Amino acid sequence: MSSKIYVGNLPYSVTDASLNSNFAEFGGVSSAKVMMDRDTGRSKGFGFVEMANADVAQAAIKALHGMSVDGRSIVVNLARPREERSDAGGYTASKRADVGYGTGGHGGGRY
């Protein structure tokens, strides 16, 4: 079973290839991905590495957590499962009938 590792506080110069090679020292790397900003194409400063098994993942975490990379102390730990999102934008409209636009025209509502 593979183990997914979160790597945070990465310098913007780190690429998928360099992330892969740094973790490959500890064993088989299934994938290594630095998260990129969709608008700017620039690194978001974190990524994920998937290792072949839990033993090599723990060895990599133990050796690399807190290591200085280009003057930044990186964070390395097991990735948590992605949380379910109930909405797309973070805004939740109120369910109360007495608040908001109501049924009146031009924002009239109840008041």
PDB file of N, CA and C in Angstrom:
ATOM      1  N   MET A   1       0.839  -1.187   0.000  1.00  0.00           N
ATOM      2  CA  MET A   1       0.000   0.000   0.000  1.00  0.00           C
ATOM      3  C   MET A   1       0.881   1.247   0.000  1.00  0.00           C
ATOM      4  N   SER A   2       0.549   2.205  -0.846  1.00  0.00           N
ATOM      5  CA  SER A   2       1.358   3.418  -0.925  1.00  0.00           C
ATOM      6  C   SER A   2       0.969   4.387   0.188  1.00  0.00           C
ATOM      7  N   SER A   3       1.883   5.295   0.498  1.00  0.00           N
ATOM      8  CA  SER A   3       1.655   6.306   1.523  1.00  0.00           C
ATOM      9  C   SER A   3       1.861   7.675   0.917  1.00  0.00           C
ATOM     10  N   LYS A   4       0.900   8.557   1.140  1.00  0.00           N
ATOM     11  CA  LYS A   4       0.982   9.905   0.597  1.00  0.00           C
ATOM     12  C   LYS A   4       1.537  10.843   1.661  1.00  0.00           C
ATOM     13  N   ILE A   5       2.505  11.653   1.258  1.00  0.00           N
ATOM     14  CA  ILE A   5       3.198  12.570   2.159  1.00  0.00           C
ATOM     15  C   ILE A   5       2.942  14.005   1.722  1.00  0.00           C
ATOM     16  N   TYR A   6       2.647  14.865   2.691  1.00  0.00           N
ATOM     17  CA  TYR A   6       2.510  16.297   2.458  1.00  0.00           C
ATOM     18  C   TYR A   6       3.868  16.948   2.698  1.00  0.00           C
ATOM     19  N   VAL A   7       4.280  17.830   1.784  1.00  0.00           N
ATOM     20  CA  VAL A   7       5.535  18.562   1.933  1.00  0.00           C
ATOM     21  C   VAL A   7       5.199  20.051   1.826  1.00  0.00           C
ATOM     22  N   GLY A   8       5.397  20.783   2.920  1.00  0.00           N
ATOM     23  CA  GLY A   8       5.031  22.195   2.942  1.00  0.00           C
ATOM     24  C   GLY A   8       6.203  23.120   3.167  1.00  0.00           C
ATOM     25  N   ASN A   9       5.940  24.421   2.989  1.00  0.00           N
ATOM     26  CA  ASN A   9       6.930  25.487   3.130  1.00  0.00           C
ATOM     27  C   ASN A   9       8.076  25.327   2.135  1.00  0.00           C
ATOM     28  N   LEU A  10       7.734  24.853   0.941  1.00  0.00           N
ATOM     29  CA  LEU A  10       8.746  24.662  -0.103  1.00  0.00           C
ATOM     30  C   LEU A  10       9.122  25.991  -0.745  1.00  0.00           C
ATOM     31  N   PRO A  11      10.390  26.163  -1.089  1.00  0.00           N
ATOM     32  CA  PRO A  11      10.779  27.340  -1.870  1.00  0.00           C
ATOM     33  C   PRO A  11      10.120  27.245  -3.253  1.00  0.00           C
ATOM     34  N   TYR A  12       9.877  28.378  -3.867  1.00  0.00           N
ATOM     35  CA  TYR A  12       9.214  28.387  -5.175  1.00  0.00           C
ATOM     36  C   TYR A  12      10.081  27.772  -6.272  1.00  0.00           C
ATOM     37  N   SER A  13      11.350  27.570  -6.000  1.00  0.00           N
ATOM     38  CA  SER A  13      12.254  26.993  -6.995  1.00  0.00           C
ATOM     39  C   SER A  13      12.137  25.472  -7.108  1.00  0.00           C
ATOM     40  N   VAL A  14      11.474  24.820  -6.154  1.00  0.00           N
ATOM     41  CA  VAL A  14      11.360  23.356  -6.156  1.00  0.00           C
ATOM     42  C   VAL A  14      10.401  22.917  -7.265  1.00  0.00           C
ATOM     43  N   THR A  15      10.822  21.905  -8.030  1.00  0.00           N
ATOM     44  CA  THR A  15      10.016  21.358  -9.122  1.00  0.00           C
ATOM     45  C   THR A  15       9.593  19.934  -8.785  1.00  0.00           C
ATOM     46  N   ASP A  16       8.714  19.371  -9.610  1.00  0.00           N
ATOM     47  CA  ASP A  16       8.303  17.979  -9.433  1.00  0.00           C
ATOM     48  C   ASP A  16       9.513  17.054  -9.458  1.00  0.00           C
ATOM     49  N   ALA A  17      10.426  17.296 -10.405  1.00  0.00           N
ATOM     50  CA  ALA A  17      11.603  16.442 -10.559  1.00  0.00           C
ATOM     51  C   ALA A  17      12.531  16.508  -9.349  1.00  0.00           C
ATOM     52  N   SER A  18      12.769  17.710  -8.822  1.00  0.00           N
ATOM     53  CA  SER A  18      13.659  17.829  -7.662  1.00  0.00           C
ATOM     54  C   SER A  18      13.013  17.227  -6.413  1.00  0.00           C
ATOM     55  N   LEU A  19      11.699  17.375  -6.281  1.00  0.00           N
ATOM     56  CA  LEU A  19      10.977  16.769  -5.163  1.00  0.00           C
ATOM     57  C   LEU A  19      11.092  15.245  -5.251  1.00  0.00           C
ATOM     58  N   ASN A  20      10.898  14.718  -6.437  1.00  0.00           N
ATOM     59  CA  ASN A  20      11.002  13.278  -6.666  1.00  0.00           C
ATOM     60  C   ASN A  20      12.394  12.762  -6.309  1.00  0.00           C
ATOM     61  N   SER A  21      13.435  13.445  -6.782  1.00  0.00           N
ATOM     62  CA  SER A  21      14.800  12.961  -6.541  1.00  0.00           C
ATOM     63  C   SER A  21      15.181  13.021  -5.058  1.00  0.00           C
ATOM     64  N   ASN A  22      14.691  14.022  -4.326  1.00  0.00           N
ATOM     65  CA  ASN A  22      15.000  14.114  -2.897  1.00  0.00           C
ATOM     66  C   ASN A  22      14.363  12.979  -2.109  1.00  0.00           C
ATOM     67  N   PHE A  23      13.167  12.560  -2.484  1.00  0.00           N
ATOM     68  CA  PHE A  23      12.493  11.482  -1.772  1.00  0.00           C
ATOM     69  C   PHE A  23      12.921  10.106  -2.264  1.00  0.00           C
ATOM     70  N   ALA A  24      13.430  10.011  -3.474  1.00  0.00           N
ATOM     71  CA  ALA A  24      13.851   8.724  -4.040  1.00  0.00           C
ATOM     72  C   ALA A  24      15.015   8.110  -3.268  1.00  0.00           C
ATOM     73  N   GLU A  25      15.755   8.919  -2.538  1.00  0.00           N
ATOM     74  CA  GLU A  25      16.864   8.407  -1.712  1.00  0.00           C
ATOM     75  C   GLU A  25      16.374   7.394  -0.683  1.00  0.00           C
ATOM     76  N   PHE A  26      15.112   7.494  -0.288  1.00  0.00           N
ATOM     77  CA  PHE A  26      14.572   6.660   0.785  1.00  0.00           C
ATOM     78  C   PHE A  26      13.807   5.442   0.280  1.00  0.00           C
ATOM     79  N   GLY A  27      13.559   5.375  -1.008  1.00  0.00           N
ATOM     80  CA  GLY A  27      12.836   4.237  -1.575  1.00  0.00           C
ATOM     81  C   GLY A  27      12.020   4.651  -2.779  1.00  0.00           C
ATOM     82  N   GLY A  28      11.148   3.741  -3.203  1.00  0.00           N
ATOM     83  CA  GLY A  28      10.364   3.963  -4.411  1.00  0.00           C
ATOM     84  C   GLY A  28       9.365   5.098  -4.293  1.00  0.00           C
ATOM     85  N   VAL A  29       9.433   6.027  -5.234  1.00  0.00           N
ATOM     86  CA  VAL A  29       8.495   7.140  -5.301  1.00  0.00           C
ATOM     87  C   VAL A  29       7.514   6.857  -6.439  1.00  0.00           C
ATOM     88  N   SER A  30       6.235   6.778  -6.107  1.00  0.00           N
ATOM     89  CA  SER A  30       5.206   6.550  -7.124  1.00  0.00           C
ATOM     90  C   SER A  30       4.897   7.835  -7.881  1.00  0.00           C
ATOM     91  N   SER A  31       4.835   8.953  -7.150  1.00  0.00           N
ATOM     92  CA  SER A  31       4.583  10.250  -7.786  1.00  0.00           C
ATOM     93  C   SER A  31       5.067  11.373  -6.869  1.00  0.00           C
ATOM     94  N   ALA A  32       5.388  12.501  -7.491  1.00  0.00           N
ATOM     95  CA  ALA A  32       5.787  13.701  -6.750  1.00  0.00           C
ATOM     96  C   ALA A  32       5.231  14.892  -7.506  1.00  0.00           C
ATOM     97  N   LYS A  33       4.450  15.722  -6.814  1.00  0.00           N
ATOM     98  CA  LYS A  33       3.773  16.829  -7.482  1.00  0.00           C
ATOM     99  C   LYS A  33       3.809  18.078  -6.621  1.00  0.00           C
ATOM    100  N   VAL A  34       4.358  19.163  -7.167  1.00  0.00           N
ATOM    101  CA  VAL A  34       4.326  20.471  -6.519  1.00  0.00           C
ATOM    102  C   VAL A  34       3.042  21.142  -7.002  1.00  0.00           C
ATOM    103  N   MET A  35       2.240  21.639  -6.078  1.00  0.00           N
ATOM    104  CA  MET A  35       0.975  22.291  -6.439  1.00  0.00           C
ATOM    105  C   MET A  35       1.251  23.674  -7.018  1.00  0.00           C
ATOM    106  N   MET A  36       0.625  23.949  -8.164  1.00  0.00           N
ATOM    107  CA  MET A  36       0.846  25.205  -8.873  1.00  0.00           C
ATOM    108  C   MET A  36      -0.428  26.047  -8.866  1.00  0.00           C
ATOM    109  N   ASP A  37      -0.250  27.371  -8.795  1.00  0.00           N
ATOM    110  CA  ASP A  37      -1.380  28.286  -8.883  1.00  0.00           C
ATOM    111  C   ASP A  37      -1.891  28.272 -10.319  1.00  0.00           C
ATOM    112  N   ARG A  38      -3.172  28.062 -10.476  1.00  0.00           N
ATOM    113  CA  ARG A  38      -3.772  27.934 -11.805  1.00  0.00           C
ATOM    114  C   ARG A  38      -3.697  29.241 -12.588  1.00  0.00           C
ATOM    115  N   ASP A  39      -3.765  30.388 -11.925  1.00  0.00           N
ATOM    116  CA  ASP A  39      -3.756  31.673 -12.621  1.00  0.00           C
ATOM    117  C   ASP A  39      -2.357  32.144 -12.992  1.00  0.00           C
ATOM    118  N   THR A  40      -1.412  32.014 -12.058  1.00  0.00           N
ATOM    119  CA  THR A  40      -0.066  32.554 -12.293  1.00  0.00           C
ATOM    120  C   THR A  40       0.927  31.503 -12.786  1.00  0.00           C
ATOM    121  N   GLY A  41       0.624  30.219 -12.582  1.00  0.00           N
ATOM    122  CA  GLY A  41       1.558  29.161 -12.970  1.00  0.00           C
ATOM    123  C   GLY A  41       2.727  29.029 -12.005  1.00  0.00           C
ATOM    124  N   ARG A  42       2.675  29.737 -10.891  1.00  0.00           N
ATOM    125  CA  ARG A  42       3.745  29.724  -9.893  1.00  0.00           C
ATOM    126  C   ARG A  42       3.430  28.705  -8.800  1.00  0.00           C
ATOM    127  N   SER A  43       4.472  28.166  -8.197  1.00  0.00           N
ATOM    128  CA  SER A  43       4.308  27.188  -7.123  1.00  0.00           C
ATOM    129  C   SER A  43       3.518  27.785  -5.969  1.00  0.00           C
ATOM    130  N   LYS A  44       2.683  26.952  -5.330  1.00  0.00           N
ATOM    131  CA  LYS A  44       1.940  27.384  -4.143  1.00  0.00           C
ATOM    132  C   LYS A  44       2.760  27.162  -2.870  1.00  0.00           C
ATOM    133  N   GLY A  45       3.932  26.531  -2.991  1.00  0.00           N
ATOM    134  CA  GLY A  45       4.802  26.332  -1.834  1.00  0.00           C
ATOM    135  C   GLY A  45       4.560  25.031  -1.093  1.00  0.00           C
ATOM    136  N   PHE A  46       3.777  24.127  -1.684  1.00  0.00           N
ATOM    137  CA  PHE A  46       3.590  22.813  -1.073  1.00  0.00           C
ATOM    138  C   PHE A  46       3.360  21.781  -2.159  1.00  0.00           C
ATOM    139  N   GLY A  47       3.498  20.520  -1.769  1.00  0.00           N
ATOM    140  CA  GLY A  47       3.296  19.444  -2.729  1.00  0.00           C
ATOM    141  C   GLY A  47       3.029  18.131  -2.029  1.00  0.00           C
ATOM    142  N   PHE A  48       2.899  17.085  -2.824  1.00  0.00           N
ATOM    143  CA  PHE A  48       2.620  15.752  -2.300  1.00  0.00           C
ATOM    144  C   PHE A  48       3.536  14.742  -2.967  1.00  0.00           C
ATOM    145  N   VAL A  49       3.987  13.782  -2.175  1.00  0.00           N
ATOM    146  CA  VAL A  49       4.822  12.692  -2.674  1.00  0.00           C
ATOM    147  C   VAL A  49       4.148  11.395  -2.268  1.00  0.00           C
ATOM    148  N   GLU A  50       4.019  10.492  -3.219  1.00  0.00           N
ATOM    149  CA  GLU A  50       3.449   9.185  -2.915  1.00  0.00           C
ATOM    150  C   GLU A  50       4.580   8.165  -2.954  1.00  0.00           C
ATOM    151  N   MET A  51       4.777   7.502  -1.822  1.00  0.00           N
ATOM    152  CA  MET A  51       5.863   6.527  -1.679  1.00  0.00           C
ATOM    153  C   MET A  51       5.311   5.109  -1.807  1.00  0.00           C
ATOM    154  N   ALA A  52       6.199   4.172  -2.132  1.00  0.00           N
ATOM    155  CA  ALA A  52       5.806   2.786  -2.395  1.00  0.00           C
ATOM    156  C   ALA A  52       5.165   2.101  -1.190  1.00  0.00           C
ATOM    157  N   ASN A  53       5.690   2.350   0.006  1.00  0.00           N
ATOM    158  CA  ASN A  53       5.083   1.729   1.188  1.00  0.00           C
ATOM    159  C   ASN A  53       5.280   2.622   2.419  1.00  0.00           C
ATOM    160  N   ALA A  54       4.626   2.248   3.502  1.00  0.00           N
ATOM    161  CA  ALA A  54       4.627   3.061   4.720  1.00  0.00           C
ATOM    162  C   ALA A  54       6.002   3.149   5.377  1.00  0.00           C
ATOM    163  N   ASP A  55       6.810   2.095   5.267  1.00  0.00           N
ATOM    164  CA  ASP A  55       8.133   2.111   5.907  1.00  0.00           C
ATOM    165  C   ASP A  55       9.058   3.148   5.289  1.00  0.00           C
ATOM    166  N   VAL A  56       9.108   3.194   3.958  1.00  0.00           N
ATOM    167  CA  VAL A  56       9.977   4.183   3.308  1.00  0.00           C
ATOM    168  C   VAL A  56       9.416   5.589   3.491  1.00  0.00           C
ATOM    169  N   ALA A  57       8.087   5.704   3.566  1.00  0.00           N
ATOM    170  CA  ALA A  57       7.473   7.014   3.813  1.00  0.00           C
ATOM    171  C   ALA A  57       7.876   7.537   5.189  1.00  0.00           C
ATOM    172  N   GLN A  58       7.818   6.678   6.217  1.00  0.00           N
ATOM    173  CA  GLN A  58       8.206   7.103   7.566  1.00  0.00           C
ATOM    174  C   GLN A  58       9.678   7.476   7.632  1.00  0.00           C
ATOM    175  N   ALA A  59      10.519   6.736   6.922  1.00  0.00           N
ATOM    176  CA  ALA A  59      11.953   7.055   6.898  1.00  0.00           C
ATOM    177  C   ALA A  59      12.190   8.427   6.267  1.00  0.00           C
ATOM    178  N   ALA A  60      11.483   8.718   5.184  1.00  0.00           N
ATOM    179  CA  ALA A  60      11.627  10.010   4.511  1.00  0.00           C
ATOM    180  C   ALA A  60      11.123  11.145   5.398  1.00  0.00           C
ATOM    181  N   ILE A  61       9.993  10.927   6.048  1.00  0.00           N
ATOM    182  CA  ILE A  61       9.427  11.951   6.938  1.00  0.00           C
ATOM    183  C   ILE A  61      10.405  12.261   8.066  1.00  0.00           C
ATOM    184  N   LYS A  62      10.928  11.213   8.683  1.00  0.00           N
ATOM    185  CA  LYS A  62      11.852  11.378   9.814  1.00  0.00           C
ATOM    186  C   LYS A  62      13.119  12.132   9.395  1.00  0.00           C
ATOM    187  N   ALA A  63      13.641  11.816   8.206  1.00  0.00           N
ATOM    188  CA  ALA A  63      14.889  12.433   7.754  1.00  0.00           C
ATOM    189  C   ALA A  63      14.714  13.848   7.217  1.00  0.00           C
ATOM    190  N   LEU A  64      13.584  14.130   6.576  1.00  0.00           N
ATOM    191  CA  LEU A  64      13.448  15.403   5.860  1.00  0.00           C
ATOM    192  C   LEU A  64      12.664  16.480   6.601  1.00  0.00           C
ATOM    193  N   HIS A  65      11.841  16.109   7.579  1.00  0.00           N
ATOM    194  CA  HIS A  65      11.047  17.118   8.301  1.00  0.00           C
ATOM    195  C   HIS A  65      11.980  18.094   9.022  1.00  0.00           C
ATOM    196  N   GLY A  66      11.775  19.372   8.772  1.00  0.00           N
ATOM    197  CA  GLY A  66      12.585  20.413   9.406  1.00  0.00           C
ATOM    198  C   GLY A  66      13.867  20.741   8.671  1.00  0.00           C
ATOM    199  N   MET A  67      14.169  20.002   7.606  1.00  0.00           N
ATOM    200  CA  MET A  67      15.389  20.245   6.830  1.00  0.00           C
ATOM    201  C   MET A  67      15.306  21.613   6.149  1.00  0.00           C
ATOM    202  N   SER A  68      16.443  22.291   6.047  1.00  0.00           N
ATOM    203  CA  SER A  68      16.491  23.593   5.406  1.00  0.00           C
ATOM    204  C   SER A  68      16.713  23.426   3.899  1.00  0.00           C
ATOM    205  N   VAL A  69      15.803  23.992   3.114  1.00  0.00           N
ATOM    206  CA  VAL A  69      15.921  23.980   1.652  1.00  0.00           C
ATOM    207  C   VAL A  69      15.853  25.428   1.193  1.00  0.00           C
ATOM    208  N   ASP A  70      16.930  25.920   0.631  1.00  0.00           N
ATOM    209  CA  ASP A  70      17.034  27.324   0.204  1.00  0.00           C
ATOM    210  C   ASP A  70      16.638  28.287   1.316  1.00  0.00           C
ATOM    211  N   GLY A  71      17.060  27.983   2.541  1.00  0.00           N
ATOM    212  CA  GLY A  71      16.795  28.858   3.674  1.00  0.00           C
ATOM    213  C   GLY A  71      15.422  28.698   4.307  1.00  0.00           C
ATOM    214  N   ARG A  72      14.627  27.730   3.832  1.00  0.00           N
ATOM    215  CA  ARG A  72      13.289  27.506   4.396  1.00  0.00           C
ATOM    216  C   ARG A  72      13.240  26.140   5.053  1.00  0.00           C
ATOM    217  N   SER A  73      12.695  26.088   6.253  1.00  0.00           N
ATOM    218  CA  SER A  73      12.561  24.834   6.983  1.00  0.00           C
ATOM    219  C   SER A  73      11.289  24.131   6.496  1.00  0.00           C
ATOM    220  N   ILE A  74      11.449  23.014   5.780  1.00  0.00           N
ATOM    221  CA  ILE A  74      10.288  22.355   5.187  1.00  0.00           C
ATOM    222  C   ILE A  74       9.525  21.504   6.202  1.00  0.00           C
ATOM    223  N   VAL A  75       8.238  21.355   5.963  1.00  0.00           N
ATOM    224  CA  VAL A  75       7.353  20.548   6.793  1.00  0.00           C
ATOM    225  C   VAL A  75       7.057  19.277   6.009  1.00  0.00           C
ATOM    226  N   VAL A  76       7.301  18.123   6.632  1.00  0.00           N
ATOM    227  CA  VAL A  76       7.058  16.840   5.970  1.00  0.00           C
ATOM    228  C   VAL A  76       6.278  15.955   6.931  1.00  0.00           C
ATOM    229  N   ASN A  77       5.071  15.555   6.533  1.00  0.00           N
ATOM    230  CA  ASN A  77       4.283  14.635   7.348  1.00  0.00           C
ATOM    231  C   ASN A  77       3.293  13.867   6.474  1.00  0.00           C
ATOM    232  N   LEU A  78       2.633  12.877   7.062  1.00  0.00           N
ATOM    233  CA  LEU A  78       1.642  12.119   6.304  1.00  0.00           C
ATOM    234  C   LEU A  78       0.510  13.045   5.890  1.00  0.00           C
ATOM    235  N   ALA A  79       0.058  12.898   4.664  1.00  0.00           N
ATOM    236  CA  ALA A  79      -1.045  13.726   4.166  1.00  0.00           C
ATOM    237  C   ALA A  79      -2.346  13.283   4.804  1.00  0.00           C
ATOM    238  N   ARG A  80      -3.176  14.244   5.159  1.00  0.00           N
ATOM    239  CA  ARG A  80      -4.504  13.936   5.684  1.00  0.00           C
ATOM    240  C   ARG A  80      -5.445  13.753   4.505  1.00  0.00           C
ATOM    241  N   PRO A  81      -6.496  12.963   4.695  1.00  0.00           N
ATOM    242  CA  PRO A  81      -7.475  12.810   3.607  1.00  0.00           C
ATOM    243  C   PRO A  81      -8.131  14.150   3.293  1.00  0.00           C
ATOM    244  N   ARG A  82      -8.455  14.341   2.041  1.00  0.00           N
ATOM    245  CA  ARG A  82      -9.079  15.581   1.604  1.00  0.00           C
ATOM    246  C   ARG A  82     -10.467  15.699   2.226  1.00  0.00           C
ATOM    247  N   GLU A  83     -10.781  16.883   2.742  1.00  0.00           N
ATOM    248  CA  GLU A  83     -12.080  17.102   3.377  1.00  0.00           C
ATOM    249  C   GLU A  83     -13.138  17.354   2.314  1.00  0.00           C
ATOM    250  N   GLU A  84     -14.339  16.850   2.591  1.00  0.00           N
ATOM    251  CA  GLU A  84     -15.462  17.084   1.688  1.00  0.00           C
ATOM    252  C   GLU A  84     -15.854  18.547   1.734  1.00  0.00           C
ATOM    253  N   ARG A  85     -16.138  19.105   0.568  1.00  0.00           N
ATOM    254  CA  ARG A  85     -16.598  20.494   0.496  1.00  0.00           C
ATOM    255  C   ARG A  85     -18.070  20.485   0.139  1.00  0.00           C
ATOM    256  N   SER A  86     -18.862  21.220   0.906  1.00  0.00           N
ATOM    257  CA  SER A  86     -20.293  21.235   0.658  1.00  0.00           C
ATOM    258  C   SER A  86     -20.690  22.296  -0.361  1.00  0.00           C
ATOM    259  N   ASP A  87     -19.833  23.271  -0.598  1.00  0.00           N
ATOM    260  CA  ASP A  87     -20.140  24.312  -1.572  1.00  0.00           C
ATOM    261  C   ASP A  87     -18.888  24.649  -2.373  1.00  0.00           C
ATOM    262  N   ALA A  88     -19.072  25.370  -3.466  1.00  0.00           N
ATOM    263  CA  ALA A  88     -17.958  25.632  -4.367  1.00  0.00           C
ATOM    264  C   ALA A  88     -17.138  26.858  -3.995  1.00  0.00           C
ATOM    265  N   GLY A  89     -17.750  27.857  -3.376  1.00  0.00           N
ATOM    266  CA  GLY A  89     -17.020  29.087  -3.175  1.00  0.00           C
ATOM    267  C   GLY A  89     -16.811  29.531  -1.750  1.00  0.00           C
ATOM    268  N   GLY A  90     -17.317  28.813  -0.800  1.00  0.00           N
ATOM    269  CA  GLY A  90     -17.136  29.215   0.577  1.00  0.00           C
ATOM    270  C   GLY A  90     -18.256  30.105   1.084  1.00  0.00           C
ATOM    271  N   TYR A  91     -19.124  30.609   0.196  1.00  0.00           N
ATOM    272  CA  TYR A  91     -20.239  31.455   0.613  1.00  0.00           C
ATOM    273  C   TYR A  91     -21.464  30.577   0.775  1.00  0.00           C
ATOM    274  N   THR A  92     -22.120  30.701   1.921  1.00  0.00           N
ATOM    275  CA  THR A  92     -23.345  29.948   2.161  1.00  0.00           C
ATOM    276  C   THR A  92     -24.469  30.942   2.392  1.00  0.00           C
ATOM    277  N   ALA A  93     -25.478  30.880   1.550  1.00  0.00           N
ATOM    278  CA  ALA A  93     -26.624  31.781   1.694  1.00  0.00           C
ATOM    279  C   ALA A  93     -27.415  31.404   2.936  1.00  0.00           C
ATOM    280  N   SER A  94     -27.968  32.401   3.577  1.00  0.00           N
ATOM    281  CA  SER A  94     -28.754  32.167   4.783  1.00  0.00           C
ATOM    282  C   SER A  94     -30.032  31.420   4.445  1.00  0.00           C
ATOM    283  N   LYS A  95     -30.435  30.521   5.328  1.00  0.00           N
ATOM    284  CA  LYS A  95     -31.659  29.751   5.134  1.00  0.00           C
ATOM    285  C   LYS A  95     -32.847  30.413   5.836  1.00  0.00           C
ATOM    286  N   ARG A  96     -32.613  31.516   6.528  1.00  0.00           N
ATOM    287  CA  ARG A  96     -33.684  32.190   7.258  1.00  0.00           C
ATOM    288  C   ARG A  96     -34.596  32.935   6.289  1.00  0.00           C
ATOM    289  N   ALA A  97     -35.883  32.850   6.551  1.00  0.00           N
ATOM    290  CA  ALA A  97     -36.862  33.507   5.686  1.00  0.00           C
ATOM    291  C   ALA A  97     -36.936  35.012   5.942  1.00  0.00           C
ATOM    292  N   ASP A  98     -36.536  35.463   7.140  1.00  0.00           N
ATOM    293  CA  ASP A  98     -36.664  36.874   7.474  1.00  0.00           C
ATOM    294  C   ASP A  98     -35.430  37.697   7.119  1.00  0.00           C
ATOM    295  N   VAL A  99     -34.490  37.102   6.445  1.00  0.00           N
ATOM    296  CA  VAL A  99     -33.263  37.795   6.084  1.00  0.00           C
ATOM    297  C   VAL A  99     -33.075  37.703   4.575  1.00  0.00           C
ATOM    298  N   GLY A 100     -32.576  38.752   3.998  1.00  0.00           N
ATOM    299  CA  GLY A 100     -32.240  38.699   2.582  1.00  0.00           C
ATOM    300  C   GLY A 100     -33.247  39.415   1.719  1.00  0.00           C
ATOM    301  N   TYR A 101     -33.316  39.015   0.477  1.00  0.00           N
ATOM    302  CA  TYR A 101     -34.129  39.736  -0.495  1.00  0.00           C
ATOM    303  C   TYR A 101     -35.616  39.413  -0.407  1.00  0.00           C
ATOM    304  N   GLY A 102     -35.970  38.262   0.145  1.00  0.00           N
ATOM    305  CA  GLY A 102     -37.375  37.933   0.303  1.00  0.00           C
ATOM    306  C   GLY A 102     -38.065  37.795  -1.039  1.00  0.00           C
ATOM    307  N   THR A 103     -39.345  38.122  -1.059  1.00  0.00           N
ATOM    308  CA  THR A 103     -40.116  37.981  -2.298  1.00  0.00           C
ATOM    309  C   THR A 103     -40.480  39.309  -2.908  1.00  0.00           C
ATOM    310  N   GLY A 104     -40.162  40.407  -2.253  1.00  0.00           N
ATOM    311  CA  GLY A 104     -40.500  41.723  -2.789  1.00  0.00           C
ATOM    312  C   GLY A 104     -39.583  42.099  -3.941  1.00  0.00           C
ATOM    313  N   GLY A 105     -40.014  43.035  -4.729  1.00  0.00           N
ATOM    314  CA  GLY A 105     -39.202  43.506  -5.847  1.00  0.00           C
ATOM    315  C   GLY A 105     -38.102  44.427  -5.377  1.00  0.00           C
ATOM    316  N   HIS A 106     -37.051  44.519  -6.078  1.00  0.00           N
ATOM    317  CA  HIS A 106     -35.932  45.420  -5.815  1.00  0.00           C
ATOM    318  C   HIS A 106     -35.431  45.367  -4.378  1.00  0.00           C
ATOM    319  N   GLY A 107     -35.339  44.190  -3.812  1.00  0.00           N
ATOM    320  CA  GLY A 107     -34.780  44.029  -2.476  1.00  0.00           C
ATOM    321  C   GLY A 107     -35.742  44.366  -1.361  1.00  0.00           C
ATOM    322  N   GLY A 108     -37.018  44.408  -1.620  1.00  0.00           N
ATOM    323  CA  GLY A 108     -38.012  44.809  -0.636  1.00  0.00           C
ATOM    324  C   GLY A 108     -38.094  43.880   0.568  1.00  0.00           C
ATOM    325  N   GLY A 109     -38.248  42.604   0.368  1.00  0.00           N
ATOM    326  CA  GLY A 109     -38.293  41.656   1.455  1.00  0.00           C
ATOM    327  C   GLY A 109     -39.431  41.898   2.414  1.00  0.00           C
ATOM    328  N   ARG A 110     -39.274  41.471   3.647  1.00  0.00           N
ATOM    329  CA  ARG A 110     -40.328  41.579   4.659  1.00  0.00           C
ATOM    330  C   ARG A 110     -40.388  42.937   5.320  1.00  0.00           C
ATOM    331  N   TYR A 111     -39.330  43.705   5.263  1.00  0.00           N
ATOM    332  CA  TYR A 111     -39.282  44.927   6.084  1.00  0.00           C
ATOM    333  C   TYR A 111     -39.719  46.133   5.335  1.00  0.00           C
TER     334      TYR A 111
END
